[in-house]
Amino acid sequence: MFRNILVATGPSPWSSNAVDTAIRLAAHLRVELVIVHILEDDPQFQLQGSVASDPQLRAEMEATGQHVVTQAAERATQAQVNHRSVSRWGGIPEQIVELAATNHCDLIVMGTRHLTGDKRLMTGRICNAVIATAPCPVLVVPLVQ
């Protein structure tokens, strides 16, 4: 059914939970995992001032992203899951959808904080945008505490 699974990761606990779920699924199905980390450069969602204009902040974000991807890749290796990693700058939903298409992924796995009510409506922009435009099914994994 699935041959390539893309998992979106980041430094949050819900992203880590999504990676764990994707690794278990990829191991069970014996398929390749594409581990993706997108560094947000959409001015609408940045802090005051552009990240692009602050080389130190940009370098720190890239180092954090590389650390997140390396940790996810190590967990995939330990589970004996064939994987590759991609880290890039861009709009998060757009890059996830583009990478899923170009890597011929059959499934996208993403994490969510498992919020309810108004909070869910205000914070689900990334998952909602990916679900609305994805070229394949999207599995949203809640972090239930």
N, C-alpha and C. Protein backbone atom coordinates (compact mmCIF):
# COMPACT_ATOMS: atom_id res chain seq x y z
N MET A 1 0.82 -1.18 0.00
CA MET A 1 0.00 0.00 0.00
C MET A 1 0.87 1.26 0.00
N PHE A 2 1.82 1.38 0.92
CA PHE A 2 2.73 2.52 0.97
C PHE A 2 4.14 2.06 0.62
N ARG A 3 4.86 2.93 -0.11
CA ARG A 3 6.25 2.64 -0.45
C ARG A 3 7.20 3.67 0.12
N ASN A 4 6.74 4.92 0.22
CA ASN A 4 7.54 6.01 0.74
C ASN A 4 6.69 6.84 1.69
N ILE A 5 7.20 7.03 2.89
CA ILE A 5 6.49 7.83 3.90
C ILE A 5 7.32 9.06 4.21
N LEU A 6 6.68 10.22 4.15
CA LEU A 6 7.34 11.47 4.54
C LEU A 6 6.89 11.81 5.96
N VAL A 7 7.84 12.13 6.81
CA VAL A 7 7.50 12.60 8.16
C VAL A 7 8.08 13.99 8.33
N ALA A 8 7.22 14.91 8.76
CA ALA A 8 7.63 16.29 9.04
C ALA A 8 8.07 16.35 10.50
N THR A 9 9.26 16.89 10.73
CA THR A 9 9.77 16.93 12.09
C THR A 9 10.18 18.33 12.48
N GLY A 10 10.33 18.52 13.77
CA GLY A 10 10.74 19.79 14.34
C GLY A 10 11.16 19.56 15.78
N PRO A 11 11.47 20.63 16.51
CA PRO A 11 11.97 20.48 17.88
C PRO A 11 10.88 20.25 18.93
N SER A 12 9.63 20.15 18.53
CA SER A 12 8.53 20.01 19.50
C SER A 12 8.30 18.55 19.90
N PRO A 13 7.70 18.33 21.07
CA PRO A 13 7.35 16.96 21.48
C PRO A 13 6.36 16.29 20.54
N TRP A 14 5.42 17.06 19.97
CA TRP A 14 4.45 16.45 19.05
C TRP A 14 5.10 16.05 17.74
N SER A 15 6.12 16.77 17.32
CA SER A 15 6.87 16.35 16.12
C SER A 15 7.67 15.09 16.39
N SER A 16 8.27 15.01 17.55
CA SER A 16 9.02 13.81 17.94
C SER A 16 8.10 12.59 17.99
N ASN A 17 6.90 12.80 18.50
CA ASN A 17 5.91 11.73 18.55
C ASN A 17 5.53 11.27 17.14
N ALA A 18 5.39 12.20 16.22
CA ALA A 18 5.08 11.86 14.83
C ALA A 18 6.22 11.06 14.21
N VAL A 19 7.46 11.45 14.50
CA VAL A 19 8.62 10.71 13.98
C VAL A 19 8.60 9.28 14.50
N ASP A 20 8.36 9.11 15.79
CA ASP A 20 8.30 7.75 16.36
C ASP A 20 7.22 6.92 15.68
N THR A 21 6.07 7.52 15.46
CA THR A 21 4.97 6.81 14.78
C THR A 21 5.36 6.44 13.35
N ALA A 22 5.95 7.37 12.63
CA ALA A 22 6.36 7.12 11.24
C ALA A 22 7.43 6.04 11.17
N ILE A 23 8.36 6.05 12.11
CA ILE A 23 9.41 5.02 12.13
C ILE A 23 8.79 3.65 12.38
N ARG A 24 7.87 3.56 13.35
CA ARG A 24 7.22 2.26 13.61
C ARG A 24 6.45 1.77 12.38
N LEU A 25 5.74 2.68 11.73
CA LEU A 25 4.98 2.32 10.54
C LEU A 25 5.90 1.89 9.40
N ALA A 26 6.97 2.65 9.17
CA ALA A 26 7.91 2.30 8.10
C ALA A 26 8.60 0.97 8.38
N ALA A 27 8.93 0.72 9.63
CA ALA A 27 9.56 -0.56 9.99
C ALA A 27 8.59 -1.72 9.76
N HIS A 28 7.35 -1.53 10.16
CA HIS A 28 6.35 -2.58 10.00
C HIS A 28 6.08 -2.87 8.53
N LEU A 29 6.01 -1.83 7.72
CA LEU A 29 5.70 -2.00 6.29
C LEU A 29 6.94 -2.24 5.44
N ARG A 30 8.12 -2.05 6.05
CA ARG A 30 9.40 -2.18 5.34
C ARG A 30 9.46 -1.24 4.13
N VAL A 31 9.22 0.05 4.40
CA VAL A 31 9.25 1.06 3.36
C VAL A 31 10.25 2.16 3.74
N GLU A 32 10.55 3.01 2.77
CA GLU A 32 11.50 4.09 3.00
C GLU A 32 10.82 5.27 3.70
N LEU A 33 11.60 5.92 4.56
CA LEU A 33 11.13 7.09 5.30
C LEU A 33 11.90 8.31 4.83
N VAL A 34 11.18 9.37 4.50
CA VAL A 34 11.79 10.64 4.14
C VAL A 34 11.57 11.58 5.32
N ILE A 35 12.65 11.92 6.01
CA ILE A 35 12.59 12.77 7.20
C ILE A 35 12.80 14.21 6.74
N VAL A 36 11.83 15.08 7.03
CA VAL A 36 11.84 16.44 6.51
C VAL A 36 11.78 17.45 7.66
N HIS A 37 12.64 18.45 7.55
CA HIS A 37 12.58 19.58 8.49
C HIS A 37 12.61 20.86 7.67
N ILE A 38 11.59 21.68 7.85
CA ILE A 38 11.49 22.93 7.11
C ILE A 38 11.76 24.09 8.06
N LEU A 39 12.66 24.96 7.64
CA LEU A 39 12.97 26.16 8.39
C LEU A 39 12.11 27.28 7.83
N GLU A 40 11.20 27.77 8.62
CA GLU A 40 10.20 28.75 8.18
C GLU A 40 10.85 30.06 7.77
N ASP A 41 10.57 30.50 6.56
CA ASP A 41 11.04 31.83 6.15
C ASP A 41 9.90 32.68 5.61
N ASP A 42 8.69 32.34 6.00
CA ASP A 42 7.52 33.13 5.61
C ASP A 42 7.44 34.35 6.52
N PRO A 43 7.60 35.56 5.99
CA PRO A 43 7.60 36.76 6.82
C PRO A 43 6.35 36.90 7.69
N GLN A 44 5.22 36.35 7.26
CA GLN A 44 3.98 36.44 8.02
C GLN A 44 4.11 35.76 9.38
N PHE A 45 4.99 34.76 9.50
CA PHE A 45 5.09 33.99 10.73
C PHE A 45 6.42 34.16 11.45
N GLN A 46 7.22 35.12 11.04
CA GLN A 46 8.51 35.35 11.68
C GLN A 46 8.39 36.33 12.83
N LEU A 47 9.42 36.31 13.68
CA LEU A 47 9.54 37.29 14.74
C LEU A 47 9.84 38.65 14.12
N GLN A 48 9.83 39.71 14.92
CA GLN A 48 10.18 41.04 14.41
C GLN A 48 11.51 40.98 13.68
N GLY A 49 11.57 41.53 12.51
CA GLY A 49 12.79 41.51 11.71
C GLY A 49 12.89 40.20 10.95
N SER A 50 13.52 40.25 9.83
CA SER A 50 13.64 39.07 8.98
C SER A 50 14.77 38.16 9.42
N VAL A 51 14.51 36.88 9.43
CA VAL A 51 15.54 35.90 9.74
C VAL A 51 16.68 36.01 8.73
N ALA A 52 16.31 36.24 7.48
CA ALA A 52 17.32 36.32 6.42
C ALA A 52 18.31 37.45 6.67
N SER A 53 17.89 38.50 7.39
CA SER A 53 18.79 39.63 7.64
C SER A 53 19.64 39.45 8.89
N ASP A 54 19.44 38.37 9.62
CA ASP A 54 20.23 38.11 10.83
C ASP A 54 20.97 36.79 10.66
N PRO A 55 22.21 36.85 10.17
CA PRO A 55 22.97 35.62 9.90
C PRO A 55 23.15 34.73 11.13
N GLN A 56 23.30 35.33 12.30
CA GLN A 56 23.49 34.52 13.52
C GLN A 56 22.23 33.74 13.85
N LEU A 57 21.06 34.40 13.80
CA LEU A 57 19.80 33.71 14.07
C LEU A 57 19.55 32.62 13.03
N ARG A 58 19.83 32.93 11.79
CA ARG A 58 19.66 31.94 10.71
C ARG A 58 20.56 30.72 10.95
N ALA A 59 21.81 30.96 11.34
CA ALA A 59 22.74 29.85 11.62
C ALA A 59 22.27 29.02 12.80
N GLU A 60 21.74 29.69 13.83
CA GLU A 60 21.22 28.96 15.00
C GLU A 60 20.03 28.10 14.62
N MET A 61 19.14 28.64 13.79
CA MET A 61 17.98 27.87 13.33
C MET A 61 18.43 26.67 12.51
N GLU A 62 19.41 26.86 11.64
CA GLU A 62 19.91 25.76 10.82
C GLU A 62 20.57 24.68 11.70
N ALA A 63 21.31 25.08 12.72
CA ALA A 63 21.95 24.12 13.62
C ALA A 63 20.89 23.33 14.39
N THR A 64 19.87 24.01 14.87
CA THR A 64 18.79 23.32 15.58
C THR A 64 18.09 22.34 14.65
N GLY A 65 17.80 22.78 13.42
CA GLY A 65 17.16 21.91 12.44
C GLY A 65 18.00 20.68 12.12
N GLN A 66 19.30 20.89 11.97
CA GLN A 66 20.19 19.76 11.67
C GLN A 66 20.21 18.77 12.83
N HIS A 67 20.19 19.29 14.06
CA HIS A 67 20.17 18.43 15.24
C HIS A 67 18.88 17.59 15.28
N VAL A 68 17.75 18.21 14.98
CA VAL A 68 16.46 17.51 14.97
C VAL A 68 16.47 16.40 13.92
N VAL A 69 16.96 16.73 12.72
CA VAL A 69 17.01 15.74 11.63
C VAL A 69 17.96 14.60 11.98
N THR A 70 19.11 14.93 12.55
CA THR A 70 20.09 13.90 12.92
C THR A 70 19.51 12.95 13.97
N GLN A 71 18.82 13.50 14.96
CA GLN A 71 18.20 12.64 15.99
C GLN A 71 17.16 11.71 15.37
N ALA A 72 16.33 12.24 14.48
CA ALA A 72 15.31 11.41 13.83
C ALA A 72 15.96 10.33 12.97
N ALA A 73 17.01 10.68 12.25
CA ALA A 73 17.72 9.72 11.40
C ALA A 73 18.36 8.62 12.25
N GLU A 74 18.91 8.98 13.40
CA GLU A 74 19.51 7.98 14.29
C GLU A 74 18.45 7.01 14.80
N ARG A 75 17.27 7.52 15.13
CA ARG A 75 16.19 6.64 15.60
C ARG A 75 15.74 5.72 14.46
N ALA A 76 15.68 6.22 13.23
CA ALA A 76 15.31 5.38 12.09
C ALA A 76 16.37 4.31 11.85
N THR A 77 17.63 4.67 11.96
CA THR A 77 18.72 3.70 11.79
C THR A 77 18.63 2.61 12.85
N GLN A 78 18.38 2.99 14.09
CA GLN A 78 18.25 2.00 15.17
C GLN A 78 17.10 1.03 14.89
N ALA A 79 16.05 1.51 14.26
CA ALA A 79 14.90 0.67 13.93
C ALA A 79 15.09 -0.07 12.61
N GLN A 80 16.26 0.09 12.00
CA GLN A 80 16.59 -0.53 10.72
C GLN A 80 15.63 -0.12 9.60
N VAL A 81 15.30 1.17 9.60
CA VAL A 81 14.43 1.74 8.58
C VAL A 81 15.29 2.49 7.57
N ASN A 82 15.13 2.15 6.30
CA ASN A 82 15.81 2.87 5.23
C ASN A 82 15.24 4.29 5.20
N HIS A 83 16.12 5.29 5.19
CA HIS A 83 15.64 6.66 5.27
C HIS A 83 16.59 7.62 4.57
N ARG A 84 16.06 8.79 4.30
CA ARG A 84 16.87 9.91 3.83
C ARG A 84 16.30 11.17 4.48
N SER A 85 17.13 12.19 4.56
CA SER A 85 16.74 13.41 5.27
C SER A 85 16.83 14.62 4.35
N VAL A 86 15.90 15.55 4.56
CA VAL A 86 15.89 16.80 3.81
C VAL A 86 15.62 17.93 4.79
N SER A 87 16.43 18.97 4.72
CA SER A 87 16.21 20.17 5.51
C SER A 87 16.33 21.34 4.55
N ARG A 88 15.34 22.25 4.60
CA ARG A 88 15.38 23.40 3.69
C ARG A 88 14.56 24.55 4.26
N TRP A 89 14.83 25.73 3.70
CA TRP A 89 14.09 26.93 4.05
C TRP A 89 12.86 27.04 3.17
N GLY A 90 11.78 27.62 3.71
CA GLY A 90 10.59 27.87 2.92
C GLY A 90 9.36 27.90 3.79
N GLY A 91 8.22 28.05 3.14
CA GLY A 91 6.95 27.95 3.84
C GLY A 91 6.72 26.49 4.20
N ILE A 92 6.41 26.21 5.45
CA ILE A 92 6.33 24.83 5.91
C ILE A 92 5.31 24.00 5.14
N PRO A 93 4.05 24.41 5.06
CA PRO A 93 3.09 23.55 4.33
C PRO A 93 3.47 23.33 2.87
N GLU A 94 3.89 24.40 2.21
CA GLU A 94 4.22 24.30 0.79
C GLU A 94 5.41 23.37 0.55
N GLN A 95 6.41 23.47 1.39
CA GLN A 95 7.60 22.62 1.23
C GLN A 95 7.28 21.15 1.52
N ILE A 96 6.46 20.89 2.53
CA ILE A 96 6.08 19.51 2.84
C ILE A 96 5.35 18.89 1.66
N VAL A 97 4.39 19.62 1.10
CA VAL A 97 3.62 19.11 -0.03
C VAL A 97 4.53 18.90 -1.25
N GLU A 98 5.41 19.86 -1.52
CA GLU A 98 6.32 19.73 -2.66
C GLU A 98 7.26 18.53 -2.48
N LEU A 99 7.81 18.38 -1.28
CA LEU A 99 8.72 17.25 -1.04
C LEU A 99 8.01 15.91 -1.11
N ALA A 100 6.76 15.86 -0.66
CA ALA A 100 5.99 14.62 -0.78
C ALA A 100 5.81 14.25 -2.25
N ALA A 101 5.53 15.23 -3.08
CA ALA A 101 5.33 14.97 -4.51
C ALA A 101 6.64 14.57 -5.19
N THR A 102 7.71 15.32 -4.95
CA THR A 102 8.96 15.04 -5.65
C THR A 102 9.63 13.76 -5.17
N ASN A 103 9.32 13.33 -3.95
CA ASN A 103 9.89 12.08 -3.43
C ASN A 103 8.94 10.90 -3.59
N HIS A 104 7.84 11.11 -4.32
CA HIS A 104 6.86 10.06 -4.60
C HIS A 104 6.36 9.40 -3.32
N CYS A 105 6.04 10.22 -2.33
CA CYS A 105 5.56 9.69 -1.05
C CYS A 105 4.08 9.34 -1.14
N ASP A 106 3.74 8.25 -0.50
CA ASP A 106 2.37 7.76 -0.49
C ASP A 106 1.62 8.19 0.77
N LEU A 107 2.36 8.72 1.75
CA LEU A 107 1.77 9.10 3.03
C LEU A 107 2.63 10.19 3.65
N ILE A 108 1.96 11.18 4.25
CA ILE A 108 2.64 12.21 5.04
C ILE A 108 2.22 12.01 6.49
N VAL A 109 3.20 12.02 7.39
CA VAL A 109 2.92 11.90 8.82
C VAL A 109 3.33 13.20 9.50
N MET A 110 2.41 13.76 10.27
CA MET A 110 2.66 15.02 10.98
C MET A 110 2.15 14.91 12.41
N GLY A 111 2.75 15.69 13.28
CA GLY A 111 2.29 15.73 14.67
C GLY A 111 1.42 16.94 14.93
N THR A 112 0.63 16.84 15.99
CA THR A 112 -0.19 17.95 16.44
C THR A 112 -0.26 17.92 17.96
N ARG A 113 -0.56 19.07 18.54
CA ARG A 113 -0.59 19.21 20.00
C ARG A 113 -1.84 18.66 20.64
N HIS A 114 -2.82 18.27 19.87
CA HIS A 114 -4.08 17.73 20.39
C HIS A 114 -4.84 18.78 21.19
N LEU A 115 -4.93 19.97 20.61
CA LEU A 115 -5.69 21.04 21.24
C LEU A 115 -7.16 20.89 20.87
N THR A 116 -8.02 21.53 21.65
CA THR A 116 -9.45 21.48 21.38
C THR A 116 -10.01 22.90 21.31
N GLY A 117 -11.21 23.01 20.79
CA GLY A 117 -11.93 24.28 20.79
C GLY A 117 -11.24 25.35 19.96
N ASP A 118 -11.34 26.60 20.45
CA ASP A 118 -10.79 27.75 19.73
C ASP A 118 -9.29 27.64 19.53
N LYS A 119 -8.57 27.08 20.49
CA LYS A 119 -7.12 26.94 20.35
C LYS A 119 -6.78 26.09 19.13
N ARG A 120 -7.54 25.04 18.90
CA ARG A 120 -7.30 24.18 17.74
C ARG A 120 -7.49 24.95 16.44
N LEU A 121 -8.51 25.77 16.40
CA LEU A 121 -8.78 26.55 15.19
C LEU A 121 -7.69 27.56 14.91
N MET A 122 -7.06 28.09 15.95
CA MET A 122 -6.06 29.14 15.78
C MET A 122 -4.66 28.59 15.48
N THR A 123 -4.37 27.34 15.83
CA THR A 123 -3.00 26.85 15.72
C THR A 123 -2.80 25.76 14.69
N GLY A 124 -3.83 25.33 14.02
CA GLY A 124 -3.69 24.20 13.10
C GLY A 124 -3.38 24.58 11.67
N ARG A 125 -2.80 25.74 11.44
CA ARG A 125 -2.61 26.20 10.07
C ARG A 125 -1.73 25.29 9.24
N ILE A 126 -0.68 24.73 9.82
CA ILE A 126 0.24 23.91 9.05
C ILE A 126 -0.42 22.60 8.65
N CYS A 127 -0.97 21.87 9.62
CA CYS A 127 -1.65 20.61 9.29
C CYS A 127 -2.80 20.83 8.31
N ASN A 128 -3.60 21.85 8.56
CA ASN A 128 -4.74 22.12 7.68
C ASN A 128 -4.30 22.44 6.26
N ALA A 129 -3.25 23.23 6.12
CA ALA A 129 -2.76 23.58 4.79
C ALA A 129 -2.20 22.36 4.06
N VAL A 130 -1.50 21.50 4.79
CA VAL A 130 -0.96 20.28 4.17
C VAL A 130 -2.10 19.35 3.75
N ILE A 131 -3.06 19.14 4.64
CA ILE A 131 -4.19 18.26 4.33
C ILE A 131 -4.93 18.77 3.09
N ALA A 132 -5.09 20.07 2.99
CA ALA A 132 -5.85 20.66 1.88
C ALA A 132 -5.15 20.53 0.54
N THR A 133 -3.82 20.40 0.53
CA THR A 133 -3.09 20.44 -0.74
C THR A 133 -2.21 19.22 -0.99
N ALA A 134 -2.19 18.27 -0.08
CA ALA A 134 -1.30 17.11 -0.21
C ALA A 134 -1.66 16.22 -1.39
N PRO A 135 -0.63 15.64 -2.02
CA PRO A 135 -0.86 14.73 -3.14
C PRO A 135 -1.14 13.30 -2.69
N CYS A 136 -1.24 13.10 -1.36
CA CYS A 136 -1.43 11.75 -0.80
C CYS A 136 -2.11 11.88 0.55
N PRO A 137 -2.49 10.76 1.18
CA PRO A 137 -3.09 10.84 2.51
C PRO A 137 -2.14 11.45 3.54
N VAL A 138 -2.74 12.07 4.56
CA VAL A 138 -1.97 12.69 5.65
C VAL A 138 -2.44 12.07 6.96
N LEU A 139 -1.48 11.52 7.71
CA LEU A 139 -1.76 10.97 9.02
C LEU A 139 -1.33 12.00 10.06
N VAL A 140 -2.28 12.52 10.81
CA VAL A 140 -2.00 13.51 11.84
C VAL A 140 -2.00 12.79 13.19
N VAL A 141 -0.85 12.83 13.86
CA VAL A 141 -0.66 12.09 15.10
C VAL A 141 -0.73 13.06 16.28
N PRO A 142 -1.75 12.93 17.13
CA PRO A 142 -1.85 13.84 18.27
C PRO A 142 -0.91 13.43 19.40
N LEU A 143 -0.43 14.42 20.12
CA LEU A 143 0.37 14.17 21.31
C LEU A 143 -0.60 14.18 22.48
N VAL A 144 -0.99 13.02 22.92
CA VAL A 144 -1.94 12.89 24.02
C VAL A 144 -1.13 12.70 25.30
N GLN A 145 -1.36 13.61 26.25
CA GLN A 145 -0.57 13.54 27.51
C GLN A 145 -1.42 13.04 28.63
